[in-house]
Amino acid sequence: MNFTIADLLMHKLFCACFLFASVGLFAQQSADTAKSRDDFPVSLYYQALGEQSPLFNAREYVAFPGIIHQGHPFYKTTEFVTGTVHYDGMLFDDAKILYDIITNKVLILHYNGVFRVDLPVDKISEFNLHGHRFIHLYPDSLQVIDEGFYDKLYDGKTDLFVKRTKLFREERTGNDILRVVDEKD
């Protein structure tokens, strides 16, 4: 049997990988090491998804028609912020998120960095933005709670939620129409 140099190198590489993998099986691990090792295949999967990620399988966000002269429809900032989103049963860390409070839309920055993507609200269970956890709540039987995203302020025996809102209004000043967004909690 004739072996090429490539065959011998592959054999040595295989043996080395097997040896390192089997040594790792017998060593004691800390909880952090085990967790990061368990998370590795998941993070590798998300990384492999790239632009085929379900996050990017949505429609482009169409901005508010006309010019807003004062304020903006977004939560805290007009810039995308890194956060997490639970979308269609999957957790996406490090997503670039923007939350339009007026239309109740969660936007992400498309893979190409150019487009704003409007995620379907019914596929979002929650998202985290600016250190706040927004939970998707549905109407209760008494119709006291409207469907939407609520900021969870306290997690305990009794949970405390707040609905963040902004109001859009138009003011006439002479011949001009001034479009204003007012924030209200």
C-alpha atoms as a PDB file:
ATOM      1  CA  MET A   1       0.000   0.000   0.000  1.00  0.00           C
ATOM      2  CA  ASN A   2       1.313   3.391  -0.964  1.00  0.00           C
ATOM      3  CA  PHE A   3       0.458   6.364   1.208  1.00  0.00           C
ATOM      4  CA  THR A   4       0.868   9.919   0.077  1.00  0.00           C
ATOM      5  CA  ILE A   5       2.107  12.672   2.329  1.00  0.00           C
ATOM      6  CA  ALA A   6      -1.437  14.106   2.399  1.00  0.00           C
ATOM      7  CA  ASP A   7      -2.802  10.736   3.637  1.00  0.00           C
ATOM      8  CA  LEU A   8      -0.230  10.607   6.437  1.00  0.00           C
ATOM      9  CA  LEU A   9      -0.937  14.197   7.486  1.00  0.00           C
ATOM     10  CA  MET A  10      -4.694  13.547   7.547  1.00  0.00           C
ATOM     11  CA  HIS A  11      -4.119  10.409   9.653  1.00  0.00           C
ATOM     12  CA  LYS A  12      -1.959  12.351  12.143  1.00  0.00           C
ATOM     13  CA  LEU A  13      -4.503  15.181  12.287  1.00  0.00           C
ATOM     14  CA  PHE A  14      -7.332  12.717  12.919  1.00  0.00           C
ATOM     15  CA  CYS A  15      -5.353  10.994  15.689  1.00  0.00           C
ATOM     16  CA  ALA A  16      -4.467  14.318  17.317  1.00  0.00           C
ATOM     17  CA  CYS A  17      -8.102  15.491  17.263  1.00  0.00           C
ATOM     18  CA  PHE A  18      -9.265  12.165  18.693  1.00  0.00           C
ATOM     19  CA  LEU A  19      -6.633  12.315  21.439  1.00  0.00           C
ATOM     20  CA  PHE A  20      -7.543  15.885  22.478  1.00  0.00           C
ATOM     21  CA  ALA A  21     -11.262  15.116  22.404  1.00  0.00           C
ATOM     22  CA  SER A  22     -10.891  11.990  24.535  1.00  0.00           C
ATOM     23  CA  VAL A  23      -8.631  13.741  27.078  1.00  0.00           C
ATOM     24  CA  GLY A  24     -11.291  16.414  27.468  1.00  0.00           C
ATOM     25  CA  LEU A  25     -13.863  13.744  28.355  1.00  0.00           C
ATOM     26  CA  PHE A  26     -12.034  12.716  31.510  1.00  0.00           C
ATOM     27  CA  ALA A  27     -11.100  16.144  32.829  1.00  0.00           C
ATOM     28  CA  GLN A  28     -13.217  17.936  35.401  1.00  0.00           C
ATOM     29  CA  GLN A  29     -14.969  20.993  34.050  1.00  0.00           C
ATOM     30  CA  SER A  30     -16.277  24.123  35.656  1.00  0.00           C
ATOM     31  CA  ALA A  31     -19.910  25.061  35.046  1.00  0.00           C
ATOM     32  CA  ASP A  32     -18.806  27.976  32.848  1.00  0.00           C
ATOM     33  CA  THR A  33     -16.626  25.746  30.673  1.00  0.00           C
ATOM     34  CA  ALA A  34     -19.421  23.199  30.267  1.00  0.00           C
ATOM     35  CA  LYS A  35     -21.932  25.923  29.420  1.00  0.00           C
ATOM     36  CA  SER A  36     -19.675  27.566  26.853  1.00  0.00           C
ATOM     37  CA  ARG A  37     -18.995  24.164  25.311  1.00  0.00           C
ATOM     38  CA  ASP A  38     -22.743  23.447  25.188  1.00  0.00           C
ATOM     39  CA  ASP A  39     -23.376  26.870  23.641  1.00  0.00           C
ATOM     40  CA  PHE A  40     -20.676  26.465  21.009  1.00  0.00           C
ATOM     41  CA  PRO A  41     -22.715  24.318  18.567  1.00  0.00           C
ATOM     42  CA  VAL A  42     -25.652  26.713  18.894  1.00  0.00           C
ATOM     43  CA  SER A  43     -23.518  29.799  18.270  1.00  0.00           C
ATOM     44  CA  LEU A  44     -21.853  28.007  15.362  1.00  0.00           C
ATOM     45  CA  TYR A  45     -25.308  27.265  13.931  1.00  0.00           C
ATOM     46  CA  TYR A  46     -26.422  30.905  14.212  1.00  0.00           C
ATOM     47  CA  GLN A  47     -23.150  32.059  12.672  1.00  0.00           C
ATOM     48  CA  ALA A  48     -23.580  29.612   9.787  1.00  0.00           C
ATOM     49  CA  LEU A  49     -27.090  30.931   9.141  1.00  0.00           C
ATOM     50  CA  GLY A  50     -25.654  34.326   8.222  1.00  0.00           C
ATOM     51  CA  GLU A  51     -27.920  36.135   5.805  1.00  0.00           C
ATOM     52  CA  GLN A  52     -30.240  33.091   5.676  1.00  0.00           C
ATOM     53  CA  SER A  53     -31.277  33.751   9.276  1.00  0.00           C
ATOM     54  CA  PRO A  54     -35.055  33.771   9.875  1.00  0.00           C
ATOM     55  CA  LEU A  55     -34.617  37.325  11.169  1.00  0.00           C
ATOM     56  CA  PHE A  56     -33.979  38.538   7.651  1.00  0.00           C
ATOM     57  CA  ASN A  57     -36.975  36.718   6.177  1.00  0.00           C
ATOM     58  CA  ALA A  58     -39.339  39.625   6.709  1.00  0.00           C
ATOM     59  CA  ARG A  59     -40.418  42.748   4.896  1.00  0.00           C
ATOM     60  CA  GLU A  60     -38.592  46.030   4.737  1.00  0.00           C
ATOM     61  CA  TYR A  61     -39.724  48.688   7.200  1.00  0.00           C
ATOM     62  CA  VAL A  62     -41.353  51.700   5.620  1.00  0.00           C
ATOM     63  CA  ALA A  63     -40.635  54.834   7.615  1.00  0.00           C
ATOM     64  CA  PHE A  64     -43.353  57.147   8.856  1.00  0.00           C
ATOM     65  CA  PRO A  65     -44.747  59.123   5.910  1.00  0.00           C
ATOM     66  CA  GLY A  66     -43.773  62.766   5.855  1.00  0.00           C
ATOM     67  CA  ILE A  67     -41.292  64.640   7.979  1.00  0.00           C
ATOM     68  CA  ILE A  68     -41.493  64.548  11.747  1.00  0.00           C
ATOM     69  CA  HIS A  69     -40.420  67.968  12.955  1.00  0.00           C
ATOM     70  CA  GLN A  70     -40.127  67.198  16.648  1.00  0.00           C
ATOM     71  CA  GLY A  71     -39.418  63.888  18.400  1.00  0.00           C
ATOM     72  CA  HIS A  72     -39.236  60.389  16.899  1.00  0.00           C
ATOM     73  CA  PRO A  73     -41.341  57.198  17.071  1.00  0.00           C
ATOM     74  CA  PHE A  74     -38.605  54.982  18.563  1.00  0.00           C
ATOM     75  CA  TYR A  75     -37.848  53.867  22.099  1.00  0.00           C
ATOM     76  CA  LYS A  76     -35.039  56.051  23.519  1.00  0.00           C
ATOM     77  CA  THR A  77     -32.996  56.486  20.305  1.00  0.00           C
ATOM     78  CA  THR A  78     -33.164  56.570  16.522  1.00  0.00           C
ATOM     79  CA  GLU A  79     -30.022  54.414  16.263  1.00  0.00           C
ATOM     80  CA  PHE A  80     -29.930  50.610  16.235  1.00  0.00           C
ATOM     81  CA  VAL A  81     -28.791  49.153  19.538  1.00  0.00           C
ATOM     82  CA  THR A  82     -27.440  45.681  20.261  1.00  0.00           C
ATOM     83  CA  GLY A  83     -29.993  43.531  22.051  1.00  0.00           C
ATOM     84  CA  THR A  84     -31.604  40.104  22.066  1.00  0.00           C
ATOM     85  CA  VAL A  85     -34.828  38.950  20.474  1.00  0.00           C
ATOM     86  CA  HIS A  86     -36.810  35.733  20.945  1.00  0.00           C
ATOM     87  CA  TYR A  87     -38.127  35.238  17.434  1.00  0.00           C
ATOM     88  CA  ASP A  88     -40.032  32.231  16.109  1.00  0.00           C
ATOM     89  CA  GLY A  89     -38.850  30.073  19.021  1.00  0.00           C
ATOM     90  CA  MET A  90     -35.175  31.016  18.599  1.00  0.00           C
ATOM     91  CA  LEU A  91     -33.007  33.318  20.690  1.00  0.00           C
ATOM     92  CA  PHE A  92     -30.904  35.794  18.725  1.00  0.00           C
ATOM     93  CA  ASP A  93     -28.152  37.529  20.717  1.00  0.00           C
ATOM     94  CA  ASP A  94     -26.339  40.577  19.396  1.00  0.00           C
ATOM     95  CA  ALA A  95     -29.176  41.646  17.098  1.00  0.00           C
ATOM     96  CA  LYS A  96     -29.244  45.296  16.062  1.00  0.00           C
ATOM     97  CA  ILE A  97     -32.707  46.379  17.272  1.00  0.00           C
ATOM     98  CA  LEU A  98     -34.885  49.465  17.040  1.00  0.00           C
ATOM     99  CA  TYR A  99     -38.387  49.593  18.568  1.00  0.00           C
ATOM    100  CA  ASP A 100     -41.055  51.779  16.925  1.00  0.00           C
ATOM    101  CA  ILE A 101     -43.416  52.493  19.828  1.00  0.00           C
ATOM    102  CA  ILE A 102     -46.120  54.207  17.769  1.00  0.00           C
ATOM    103  CA  THR A 103     -46.647  51.307  15.350  1.00  0.00           C
ATOM    104  CA  ASN A 104     -45.559  48.611  17.855  1.00  0.00           C
ATOM    105  CA  LYS A 105     -42.941  47.270  15.441  1.00  0.00           C
ATOM    106  CA  VAL A 106     -39.603  45.695  16.261  1.00  0.00           C
ATOM    107  CA  LEU A 107     -37.006  46.444  13.614  1.00  0.00           C
ATOM    108  CA  ILE A 108     -33.654  44.850  13.028  1.00  0.00           C
ATOM    109  CA  LEU A 109     -30.828  45.949  10.818  1.00  0.00           C
ATOM    110  CA  HIS A 110     -30.616  43.708   7.756  1.00  0.00           C
ATOM    111  CA  TYR A 111     -27.554  41.541   7.261  1.00  0.00           C
ATOM    112  CA  ASN A 112     -26.263  43.902   4.565  1.00  0.00           C
ATOM    113  CA  GLY A 113     -26.487  46.856   6.998  1.00  0.00           C
ATOM    114  CA  VAL A 114     -28.624  48.907   4.620  1.00  0.00           C
ATOM    115  CA  PHE A 115     -32.255  47.948   5.205  1.00  0.00           C
ATOM    116  CA  ARG A 116     -34.485  48.074   8.257  1.00  0.00           C
ATOM    117  CA  VAL A 117     -36.414  44.818   8.582  1.00  0.00           C
ATOM    118  CA  ASP A 118     -39.903  44.824  10.149  1.00  0.00           C
ATOM    119  CA  LEU A 119     -40.223  41.587  12.144  1.00  0.00           C
ATOM    120  CA  PRO A 120     -43.708  40.032  12.263  1.00  0.00           C
ATOM    121  CA  VAL A 121     -44.997  40.847  15.749  1.00  0.00           C
ATOM    122  CA  ASP A 122     -46.765  37.492  16.183  1.00  0.00           C
ATOM    123  CA  LYS A 123     -43.393  35.678  15.975  1.00  0.00           C
ATOM    124  CA  ILE A 124     -41.737  37.744  18.734  1.00  0.00           C
ATOM    125  CA  SER A 125     -42.226  36.552  22.309  1.00  0.00           C
ATOM    126  CA  GLU A 126     -39.866  39.102  23.847  1.00  0.00           C
ATOM    127  CA  PHE A 127     -36.854  41.293  23.228  1.00  0.00           C
ATOM    128  CA  ASN A 128     -34.275  43.120  25.349  1.00  0.00           C
ATOM    129  CA  LEU A 129     -33.258  46.654  24.538  1.00  0.00           C
ATOM    130  CA  HIS A 130     -31.455  49.362  26.560  1.00  0.00           C
ATOM    131  CA  GLY A 131     -31.484  47.071  29.607  1.00  0.00           C
ATOM    132  CA  HIS A 132     -35.284  46.682  29.418  1.00  0.00           C
ATOM    133  CA  ARG A 133     -37.135  43.430  28.812  1.00  0.00           C
ATOM    134  CA  PHE A 134     -40.192  43.813  26.574  1.00  0.00           C
ATOM    135  CA  ILE A 135     -42.693  40.955  26.714  1.00  0.00           C
ATOM    136  CA  HIS A 136     -45.362  40.324  24.073  1.00  0.00           C
ATOM    137  CA  LEU A 137     -48.674  40.298  25.942  1.00  0.00           C
ATOM    138  CA  TYR A 138     -52.066  39.410  24.523  1.00  0.00           C
ATOM    139  CA  PRO A 139     -55.501  40.758  25.499  1.00  0.00           C
ATOM    140  CA  ASP A 140     -56.888  39.356  28.738  1.00  0.00           C
ATOM    141  CA  SER A 141     -60.444  38.045  29.131  1.00  0.00           C
ATOM    142  CA  LEU A 142     -61.640  41.391  30.547  1.00  0.00           C
ATOM    143  CA  GLN A 143     -60.049  43.335  27.665  1.00  0.00           C
ATOM    144  CA  VAL A 144     -58.081  45.459  30.156  1.00  0.00           C
ATOM    145  CA  ILE A 145     -54.748  44.749  28.471  1.00  0.00           C
ATOM    146  CA  ASP A 146     -54.252  45.505  24.791  1.00  0.00           C
ATOM    147  CA  GLU A 147     -51.957  43.325  22.727  1.00  0.00           C
ATOM    148  CA  GLY A 148     -48.441  44.687  22.435  1.00  0.00           C
ATOM    149  CA  PHE A 149     -44.999  44.819  23.960  1.00  0.00           C
ATOM    150  CA  TYR A 150     -44.825  45.710  27.645  1.00  0.00           C
ATOM    151  CA  ASP A 151     -41.705  46.655  29.569  1.00  0.00           C
ATOM    152  CA  LYS A 152     -41.334  44.196  32.470  1.00  0.00           C
ATOM    153  CA  LEU A 153     -40.174  46.299  35.415  1.00  0.00           C
ATOM    154  CA  TYR A 154     -40.477  43.713  38.191  1.00  0.00           C
ATOM    155  CA  ASP A 155     -40.346  39.922  38.079  1.00  0.00           C
ATOM    156  CA  GLY A 156     -41.694  38.380  41.253  1.00  0.00           C
ATOM    157  CA  LYS A 157     -44.822  36.974  42.869  1.00  0.00           C
ATOM    158  CA  THR A 158     -46.697  39.774  41.138  1.00  0.00           C
ATOM    159  CA  ASP A 159     -45.159  41.015  37.903  1.00  0.00           C
ATOM    160  CA  LEU A 160     -45.126  44.709  37.060  1.00  0.00           C
ATOM    161  CA  PHE A 161     -45.440  45.835  33.429  1.00  0.00           C
ATOM    162  CA  VAL A 162     -45.594  49.244  31.800  1.00  0.00           C
ATOM    163  CA  LYS A 163     -46.785  50.037  28.284  1.00  0.00           C
ATOM    164  CA  ARG A 164     -44.450  52.563  26.658  1.00  0.00           C
ATOM    165  CA  THR A 165     -46.313  54.884  24.310  1.00  0.00           C
ATOM    166  CA  LYS A 166     -45.735  57.905  22.150  1.00  0.00           C
ATOM    167  CA  LEU A 167     -48.409  60.047  20.578  1.00  0.00           C
ATOM    168  CA  PHE A 168     -48.291  61.520  17.103  1.00  0.00           C
ATOM    169  CA  ARG A 169     -50.012  64.841  16.497  1.00  0.00           C
ATOM    170  CA  GLU A 170     -50.131  67.529  13.854  1.00  0.00           C
ATOM    171  CA  GLU A 171     -50.222  71.227  14.655  1.00  0.00           C
ATOM    172  CA  ARG A 172     -51.146  73.969  12.225  1.00  0.00           C
ATOM    173  CA  THR A 173     -48.934  77.028  12.351  1.00  0.00           C
ATOM    174  CA  GLY A 174     -50.042  79.472   9.688  1.00  0.00           C
ATOM    175  CA  ASN A 175     -49.706  77.689   6.367  1.00  0.00           C
ATOM    176  CA  ASP A 176     -47.464  74.936   7.741  1.00  0.00           C
ATOM    177  CA  ILE A 177     -48.263  71.643   9.411  1.00  0.00           C
ATOM    178  CA  LEU A 178     -45.906  70.692  12.224  1.00  0.00           C
ATOM    179  CA  ARG A 179     -45.681  66.947  12.950  1.00  0.00           C
ATOM    180  CA  VAL A 180     -44.774  66.195  16.573  1.00  0.00           C
ATOM    181  CA  VAL A 181     -44.207  62.976  18.509  1.00  0.00           C
ATOM    182  CA  ASP A 182     -44.858  63.187  22.261  1.00  0.00           C
ATOM    183  CA  GLU A 183     -43.562  60.545  24.667  1.00  0.00           C
ATOM    184  CA  LYS A 184     -45.911  59.266  27.342  1.00  0.00           C
ATOM    185  CA  ASP A 185     -45.545  56.391  29.873  1.00  0.00           C
END
